[in-house]
């Protein structure tokens, strides 16, 4: 895109602190700006955990916000900003906490969400809005934050750095080239999680009928350990490689990249798997896969969002506000074990056909 020199911003401040999936969706915007305006200085205010994922992106200054420190976290951000003035702020998070952070950023142009997607007084902290569009994936909505500056995100590229040590970790725990199903069973939104016995049935099928190596991964929380143990208690034909609580975020990226396919609900690992180019068998009933599913390829997902809308909201998904979440007890039971097994079978047939063609 042709731009005259005076219109190119010298500095931009990006504000998106969480969560892992959404932070990964900001990376293509960073790449878009760096490609179009290589001289523009980028500063990104990001969460402490999320910094471990993207903090080594080249050409970006990171200011870490630690929400666990309370007011001291805001003070640290203010000190790191040092009273600097930016040409524009991209206020990409709708939350009262983020509004307070945005007030610390000095910028004459303050870009935020359109009125339909703004809430929690977001509109009081901005003076320009992204285009109002219904039906956008979250990544496209975040990418549109450069449009008020005269730029358009037309390509999507991640290339999140993965250190060699992380690749070595993945090769140690998943040696060789065996086709691998990596199961990341937990979302931070617990009502998005499938039943342990259904995960176990799908894993038994993958190992016993499809000959896949199966691995389990997850964070270090007690809940995720208990959930993984519950899955294992139902397994009959599969002894998975158990990596729950054993990896860092960078090591997770390497594991996801090494996997053949990832089975997961709507979660951070879903989007990280997509970012490293690994197919995702996403489980969607509580959330709309067209808004928050794996961005690049949703052909392997199981989508019961419309069924959930009809059962729990009494109307089809097309009549709900875009982005509505249907997080009710039992909503994920709408995803049948047979439907997940069918997608696994279809993926393996597709993979084998591609290998035969080569």
Protein backbone atom coordinates (compact mmCIF):
# COMPACT_ATOMS: atom_id res chain seq x y z
CA UNK A 1 0.00 0.00 0.00
CA UNK A 2 1.42 3.37 -0.98
CA UNK A 3 1.71 5.88 1.87
CA UNK A 4 3.22 9.34 1.94
CA UNK A 5 5.90 9.87 4.53
CA UNK A 6 4.03 12.40 6.77
CA UNK A 7 1.12 9.97 7.21
CA UNK A 8 3.23 7.10 8.51
CA UNK A 9 3.14 7.01 12.31
CA UNK A 10 6.47 7.21 14.08
CA UNK A 11 5.20 5.27 17.08
CA UNK A 12 2.23 3.11 18.01
CA UNK A 13 1.18 1.71 21.38
CA UNK A 14 -0.72 -1.57 21.32
CA UNK A 15 -2.84 -2.47 24.33
CA UNK A 16 -3.91 -6.10 24.54
CA UNK A 17 -2.93 -7.85 27.74
CA UNK A 18 -4.83 -11.15 27.52
CA UNK A 19 -5.73 -13.90 26.85
CA UNK A 20 -3.30 -16.24 25.09
CA UNK A 21 -5.49 -16.85 22.05
CA UNK A 22 -6.36 -13.19 21.60
CA UNK A 23 -2.76 -12.13 22.07
CA UNK A 24 -1.75 -14.58 19.35
CA UNK A 25 -4.36 -12.90 17.12
CA UNK A 26 -2.55 -9.57 17.52
CA UNK A 27 0.70 -10.96 16.08
CA UNK A 28 -0.51 -10.75 12.43
CA UNK A 29 -1.33 -7.07 13.02
CA UNK A 30 2.23 -6.55 14.25
CA UNK A 31 3.55 -8.25 11.13
CA UNK A 32 1.29 -6.10 8.93
CA UNK A 33 2.60 -2.88 10.49
CA UNK A 34 6.21 -4.02 10.36
CA UNK A 35 5.90 -4.89 6.68
CA UNK A 36 4.12 -1.68 5.64
CA UNK A 37 5.86 0.75 8.00
CA UNK A 38 9.22 -0.75 9.01
CA UNK A 39 10.33 2.49 10.65
CA UNK A 40 7.33 2.70 12.98
CA UNK A 41 8.25 1.99 16.60
CA UNK A 42 5.92 -0.50 18.27
CA UNK A 43 5.27 -0.72 22.00
CA UNK A 44 2.93 -3.43 23.28
CA UNK A 45 1.40 -3.46 26.76
CA UNK A 46 0.86 -7.15 27.45
CA UNK A 47 0.06 -9.45 30.37
CA UNK A 48 2.73 -11.24 32.36
CA UNK A 49 1.79 -14.75 31.18
CA UNK A 50 1.18 -13.66 27.61
CA UNK A 51 4.61 -11.99 27.51
CA UNK A 52 6.14 -15.45 27.79
CA UNK A 53 4.49 -16.29 24.49
CA UNK A 54 5.23 -13.21 22.38
CA UNK A 55 7.87 -11.30 24.33
CA UNK A 56 10.65 -12.25 21.91
CA UNK A 57 8.92 -10.90 18.79
CA UNK A 58 11.63 -8.90 17.01
CA UNK A 59 11.20 -5.16 16.63
CA UNK A 60 8.66 -4.76 19.44
CA UNK A 61 9.14 -3.12 22.84
CA UNK A 62 7.08 -4.87 25.51
CA UNK A 63 5.74 -3.36 28.69
CA UNK A 64 4.49 -6.09 31.01
CA UNK A 65 1.36 -5.57 33.07
CA UNK A 66 1.13 -7.85 36.10
CA UNK A 67 -2.51 -7.70 37.20
CA UNK A 68 -1.66 -9.80 40.25
CA UNK A 69 0.21 -6.84 41.76
CA UNK A 70 -2.89 -4.67 41.98
CA UNK A 71 -2.20 -0.93 41.83
CA UNK A 72 1.53 -1.60 41.80
CA UNK A 73 1.04 -3.20 38.38
CA UNK A 74 -0.40 0.03 37.00
CA UNK A 75 2.40 2.04 38.59
CA UNK A 76 4.98 -0.17 36.89
CA UNK A 77 3.35 0.40 33.50
CA UNK A 78 3.20 4.16 34.07
CA UNK A 79 6.88 4.23 35.00
CA UNK A 80 7.83 2.11 31.98
CA UNK A 81 5.92 4.47 29.68
CA UNK A 82 7.87 7.35 31.18
CA UNK A 83 5.45 10.00 29.95
CA UNK A 84 6.21 9.21 26.32
CA UNK A 85 3.80 10.33 23.63
CA UNK A 86 2.72 7.98 20.84
CA UNK A 87 1.15 8.88 17.52
CA UNK A 88 -1.70 6.45 18.19
CA UNK A 89 -3.00 3.99 20.76
CA UNK A 90 -4.63 0.78 19.59
CA UNK A 91 -6.94 -0.01 22.52
CA UNK A 92 -7.76 -3.62 21.63
CA UNK A 93 -9.24 -4.88 24.91
CA UNK A 94 -12.70 -4.26 26.31
CA UNK A 95 -12.43 -4.34 30.10
CA UNK A 96 -12.39 -1.82 32.93
CA UNK A 97 -8.83 -2.87 33.81
CA UNK A 98 -7.71 -2.12 30.26
CA UNK A 99 -9.45 1.25 30.30
CA UNK A 100 -7.36 2.21 33.33
CA UNK A 101 -4.20 1.11 31.51
CA UNK A 102 -5.18 3.07 28.42
CA UNK A 103 -5.48 6.23 30.50
CA UNK A 104 -1.74 5.96 31.17
CA UNK A 105 -0.94 6.17 27.44
CA UNK A 106 -0.47 9.61 25.91
CA UNK A 107 -1.66 9.57 22.29
CA UNK A 108 -3.77 12.03 20.27
CA UNK A 109 -5.34 9.20 18.24
CA UNK A 110 -7.01 6.54 20.37
CA UNK A 111 -8.55 3.70 18.36
CA UNK A 112 -11.09 1.37 19.91
CA UNK A 113 -14.00 -0.91 19.10
CA UNK A 114 -17.16 0.09 17.26
CA UNK A 115 -20.22 0.82 19.39
CA UNK A 116 -21.73 -2.66 19.10
CA UNK A 117 -18.60 -4.34 20.43
CA UNK A 118 -17.66 -1.70 23.01
CA UNK A 119 -18.70 -2.10 26.65
CA UNK A 120 -17.44 -1.33 30.16
CA UNK A 121 -17.15 2.40 29.31
CA UNK A 122 -14.69 1.61 26.52
CA UNK A 123 -15.99 4.49 24.42
CA UNK A 124 -14.89 7.07 27.00
CA UNK A 125 -11.22 6.17 26.45
CA UNK A 126 -11.09 6.35 22.64
CA UNK A 127 -11.74 8.92 19.92
CA UNK A 128 -11.79 6.71 16.82
CA UNK A 129 -13.46 3.38 16.15
CA UNK A 130 -12.76 0.36 13.98
CA UNK A 131 -15.29 -0.40 11.23
CA UNK A 132 -18.54 -1.92 12.48
CA UNK A 133 -18.79 -5.37 10.89
CA UNK A 134 -20.91 -8.34 11.83
CA UNK A 135 -19.63 -11.82 11.29
CA UNK A 136 -15.92 -11.17 11.77
CA UNK A 137 -13.50 -13.61 13.28
CA UNK A 138 -11.75 -12.16 16.34
CA UNK A 139 -8.45 -12.07 14.44
CA UNK A 140 -9.96 -9.98 11.65
CA UNK A 141 -11.52 -7.60 14.16
CA UNK A 142 -8.15 -7.08 15.82
CA UNK A 143 -6.49 -6.69 12.43
CA UNK A 144 -8.90 -3.88 11.57
CA UNK A 145 -7.40 -1.64 14.28
CA UNK A 146 -4.93 -0.33 11.71
CA UNK A 147 -7.68 0.69 9.28
CA UNK A 148 -8.35 4.11 10.88
CA UNK A 149 -4.65 4.79 10.23
CA UNK A 150 -5.05 4.07 6.52
CA UNK A 151 -3.61 0.55 6.52
CA UNK A 152 -5.35 -2.75 5.80
CA UNK A 153 -4.39 -6.21 7.00
CA UNK A 154 -4.60 -8.33 3.85
CA UNK A 155 -2.32 -11.22 4.80
CA UNK A 156 -2.06 -13.17 8.04
CA UNK A 157 1.36 -14.25 9.30
CA UNK A 158 2.45 -15.32 12.77
CA UNK A 159 6.01 -16.72 12.89
CA UNK A 160 6.03 -16.61 16.68
CA UNK A 161 9.62 -17.45 17.64
CA UNK A 162 10.24 -20.94 19.02
CA UNK A 163 13.71 -21.42 20.55
CA UNK A 164 15.74 -24.46 19.64
CA UNK A 165 15.57 -25.65 23.27
CA UNK A 166 11.78 -25.87 22.95
CA UNK A 167 12.09 -27.95 19.78
CA UNK A 168 14.50 -30.22 21.64
CA UNK A 169 11.91 -30.64 24.40
CA UNK A 170 9.28 -31.64 21.85
CA UNK A 171 11.62 -34.09 20.11
CA UNK A 172 12.56 -35.65 23.47
CA UNK A 173 8.96 -36.28 24.51
CA UNK A 174 7.56 -37.00 21.04
CA UNK A 175 10.53 -38.59 19.29
CA UNK A 176 10.55 -39.50 15.64
CA UNK A 177 7.88 -38.78 13.04
CA UNK A 178 4.99 -40.91 14.29
CA UNK A 179 1.61 -39.32 13.47
CA UNK A 180 0.42 -37.81 16.72
CA UNK A 181 -2.87 -36.71 18.21
CA UNK A 182 -2.17 -34.07 20.84
CA UNK A 183 -5.07 -33.57 23.24
CA UNK A 184 -5.31 -30.28 25.13
CA UNK A 185 -8.57 -30.91 26.98
CA UNK A 186 -9.07 -27.83 29.12
CA UNK A 187 -10.24 -24.31 28.46
CA UNK A 188 -10.00 -21.61 31.12
CA UNK A 189 -13.80 -21.40 30.66
CA UNK A 190 -14.72 -24.70 32.29
CA UNK A 191 -18.17 -24.90 30.71
CA UNK A 192 -16.42 -25.25 27.32
CA UNK A 193 -14.79 -28.50 28.39
CA UNK A 194 -15.92 -31.87 27.03
CA UNK A 195 -16.51 -34.87 29.30
CA UNK A 196 -13.37 -36.85 30.31
CA UNK A 197 -14.93 -40.17 29.27
CA UNK A 198 -15.62 -38.82 25.79
CA UNK A 199 -12.04 -37.62 25.39
CA UNK A 200 -10.94 -41.10 26.48
CA UNK A 201 -13.16 -42.80 23.91
CA UNK A 202 -11.76 -40.60 21.13
CA UNK A 203 -8.19 -41.23 22.30
CA UNK A 204 -8.75 -45.00 22.49
CA UNK A 205 -10.05 -44.91 18.92
CA UNK A 206 -7.11 -42.82 17.73
CA UNK A 207 -4.61 -45.23 19.24
CA UNK A 208 -6.39 -48.53 18.68
CA UNK A 209 -8.07 -48.04 15.31
CA UNK A 210 -6.02 -45.32 13.64
CA UNK A 211 -2.55 -46.16 14.97
CA UNK A 212 -1.88 -42.64 16.20
CA UNK A 213 0.50 -41.77 19.00
CA UNK A 214 -1.54 -39.89 21.59
CA UNK A 215 -0.29 -37.22 23.99
CA UNK A 216 -2.00 -35.16 26.68
CA UNK A 217 -0.95 -31.62 27.51
CA UNK A 218 -2.17 -28.88 29.81
CA UNK A 219 -1.19 -26.28 32.35
CA UNK A 220 0.15 -26.78 35.87
CA UNK A 221 -3.12 -26.09 37.74
CA UNK A 222 -4.62 -28.70 40.05
CA UNK A 223 -7.80 -28.65 37.98
CA UNK A 224 -5.99 -29.57 34.77
CA UNK A 225 -4.09 -32.35 36.51
CA UNK A 226 -7.33 -33.75 37.94
CA UNK A 227 -9.03 -33.47 34.55
CA UNK A 228 -6.18 -35.33 32.88
CA UNK A 229 -6.31 -38.04 35.55
CA UNK A 230 -10.06 -38.37 34.97
CA UNK A 231 -9.43 -38.92 31.26
CA UNK A 232 -6.77 -41.52 31.96
CA UNK A 233 -9.05 -43.41 34.32
CA UNK A 234 -11.44 -44.05 31.40
CA UNK A 235 -8.81 -45.14 28.87
CA UNK A 236 -8.87 -48.79 27.79
CA UNK A 237 -6.63 -49.05 24.73
CA UNK A 238 -4.36 -46.03 24.95
CA UNK A 239 -1.42 -45.09 27.13
CA UNK A 240 -0.85 -41.42 26.29
CA UNK A 241 2.34 -39.45 26.65
CA UNK A 242 1.35 -37.34 29.66
CA UNK A 243 2.81 -33.83 29.48
CA UNK A 244 0.29 -32.01 31.68
CA UNK A 245 2.08 -29.36 33.72
CA UNK A 246 5.48 -30.23 32.24
CA UNK A 247 5.91 -27.66 29.48
CA UNK A 248 6.44 -23.93 29.14
CA UNK A 249 4.52 -21.84 26.62
CA UNK A 250 7.38 -22.01 24.14
CA UNK A 251 7.65 -25.76 24.63
CA UNK A 252 3.89 -25.99 24.07
CA UNK A 253 4.32 -24.21 20.74
CA UNK A 254 6.92 -26.77 19.75
CA UNK A 255 4.68 -29.67 20.83
CA UNK A 256 1.76 -28.23 18.87
CA UNK A 257 3.95 -27.82 15.81
CA UNK A 258 5.14 -31.42 16.04
CA UNK A 259 1.61 -32.83 16.40
CA UNK A 260 -0.35 -34.04 13.38
CA UNK A 261 -3.67 -32.77 14.77
CA UNK A 262 -4.78 -31.17 18.04
CA UNK A 263 -8.04 -32.04 19.82
CA UNK A 264 -9.19 -29.21 22.07
CA UNK A 265 -12.13 -27.03 23.05
CA UNK A 266 -12.16 -23.27 22.36
CA UNK A 267 -8.97 -22.37 24.21
CA UNK A 268 -5.58 -20.73 23.93
CA UNK A 269 -3.90 -23.91 22.65
CA UNK A 270 -6.46 -24.08 19.84
CA UNK A 271 -5.26 -20.74 18.49
CA UNK A 272 -1.60 -21.47 19.14
CA UNK A 273 -1.89 -24.72 17.18
CA UNK A 274 -3.42 -22.80 14.31
CA UNK A 275 -0.65 -20.19 14.54
CA UNK A 276 2.04 -22.86 14.05
CA UNK A 277 0.15 -24.45 11.15
CA UNK A 278 -1.19 -27.60 12.83
CA UNK A 279 -4.73 -28.79 12.01
CA UNK A 280 -7.22 -28.47 14.86
CA UNK A 281 -10.18 -30.66 15.77
CA UNK A 282 -11.99 -27.98 17.72
CA UNK A 283 -14.98 -28.70 19.94
CA UNK A 284 -17.58 -25.95 19.62
CA UNK A 285 -20.95 -25.69 21.29
CA UNK A 286 -20.49 -22.94 23.86
CA UNK A 287 -18.86 -20.60 21.34
CA UNK A 288 -19.20 -19.86 17.63
CA UNK A 289 -16.33 -21.38 15.62
CA UNK A 290 -16.79 -18.80 12.88
CA UNK A 291 -15.93 -16.08 15.38
CA UNK A 292 -13.46 -17.81 17.69
CA UNK A 293 -12.49 -21.10 16.11
CA UNK A 294 -9.13 -21.90 14.50
CA UNK A 295 -8.65 -19.08 12.03
CA UNK A 296 -7.02 -20.80 9.09
CA UNK A 297 -8.94 -24.07 8.80
CA UNK A 298 -12.12 -25.22 10.52
CA UNK A 299 -12.85 -28.28 8.40
CA UNK A 300 -11.91 -30.70 11.19
CA UNK A 301 -13.99 -28.99 13.89
CA UNK A 302 -17.25 -30.26 15.35
CA UNK A 303 -19.77 -27.41 15.41
CA UNK A 304 -22.84 -27.69 17.63
CA UNK A 305 -23.21 -23.96 18.27
CA UNK A 306 -26.51 -23.68 16.43
CA UNK A 307 -27.90 -26.69 18.31
CA UNK A 308 -26.82 -25.02 21.56
CA UNK A 309 -28.54 -21.78 20.59
CA UNK A 310 -31.78 -23.60 19.86
CA UNK A 311 -31.70 -25.64 23.06
CA UNK A 312 -30.52 -23.01 25.52
CA UNK A 313 -31.68 -19.76 23.88
CA UNK A 314 -34.75 -20.98 22.02
CA UNK A 315 -33.69 -19.64 18.64
CA UNK A 316 -31.12 -20.33 15.91
CA UNK A 317 -27.58 -19.02 16.16
CA UNK A 318 -28.24 -16.65 13.27
CA UNK A 319 -30.61 -14.70 15.52
CA UNK A 320 -28.13 -14.27 18.38
CA UNK A 321 -25.86 -11.28 18.77
CA UNK A 322 -22.54 -12.00 17.07
CA UNK A 323 -20.10 -13.31 19.63
CA UNK A 324 -22.74 -14.62 22.05
CA UNK A 325 -21.40 -17.33 24.33
CA UNK A 326 -23.67 -20.18 25.37
CA UNK A 327 -21.83 -21.35 28.45
CA UNK A 328 -24.40 -23.50 30.21
CA UNK A 329 -24.08 -26.73 32.15
CA UNK A 330 -24.34 -29.58 29.69
CA UNK A 331 -23.85 -27.53 26.53
CA UNK A 332 -20.77 -29.51 25.50
CA UNK A 333 -22.74 -32.75 25.79
CA UNK A 334 -24.24 -31.76 22.42
CA UNK A 335 -20.92 -32.85 20.88
CA UNK A 336 -21.24 -36.58 20.32
CA UNK A 337 -18.25 -38.88 20.69
CA UNK A 338 -19.14 -40.37 17.30
CA UNK A 339 -18.87 -36.94 15.64
CA UNK A 340 -15.34 -36.44 16.97
CA UNK A 341 -14.32 -39.95 15.91
CA UNK A 342 -15.74 -39.28 12.44
CA UNK A 343 -13.57 -36.15 12.15
CA UNK A 344 -10.50 -38.07 13.31
CA UNK A 345 -11.18 -40.77 10.72
CA UNK A 346 -11.66 -38.15 8.01
CA UNK A 347 -8.42 -36.40 8.94
CA UNK A 348 -6.40 -39.61 8.85
CA UNK A 349 -7.88 -40.54 5.45
CA UNK A 350 -7.03 -37.07 4.17
CA UNK A 351 -3.48 -37.28 5.54
CA UNK A 352 -2.89 -40.72 4.02
CA UNK A 353 -4.27 -39.61 0.66
CA UNK A 354 -1.90 -36.64 0.65
CA UNK A 355 1.06 -38.88 1.49
CA UNK A 356 0.08 -41.32 -1.27
CA UNK A 357 -0.13 -38.46 -3.75
CA UNK A 358 3.41 -37.43 -2.85
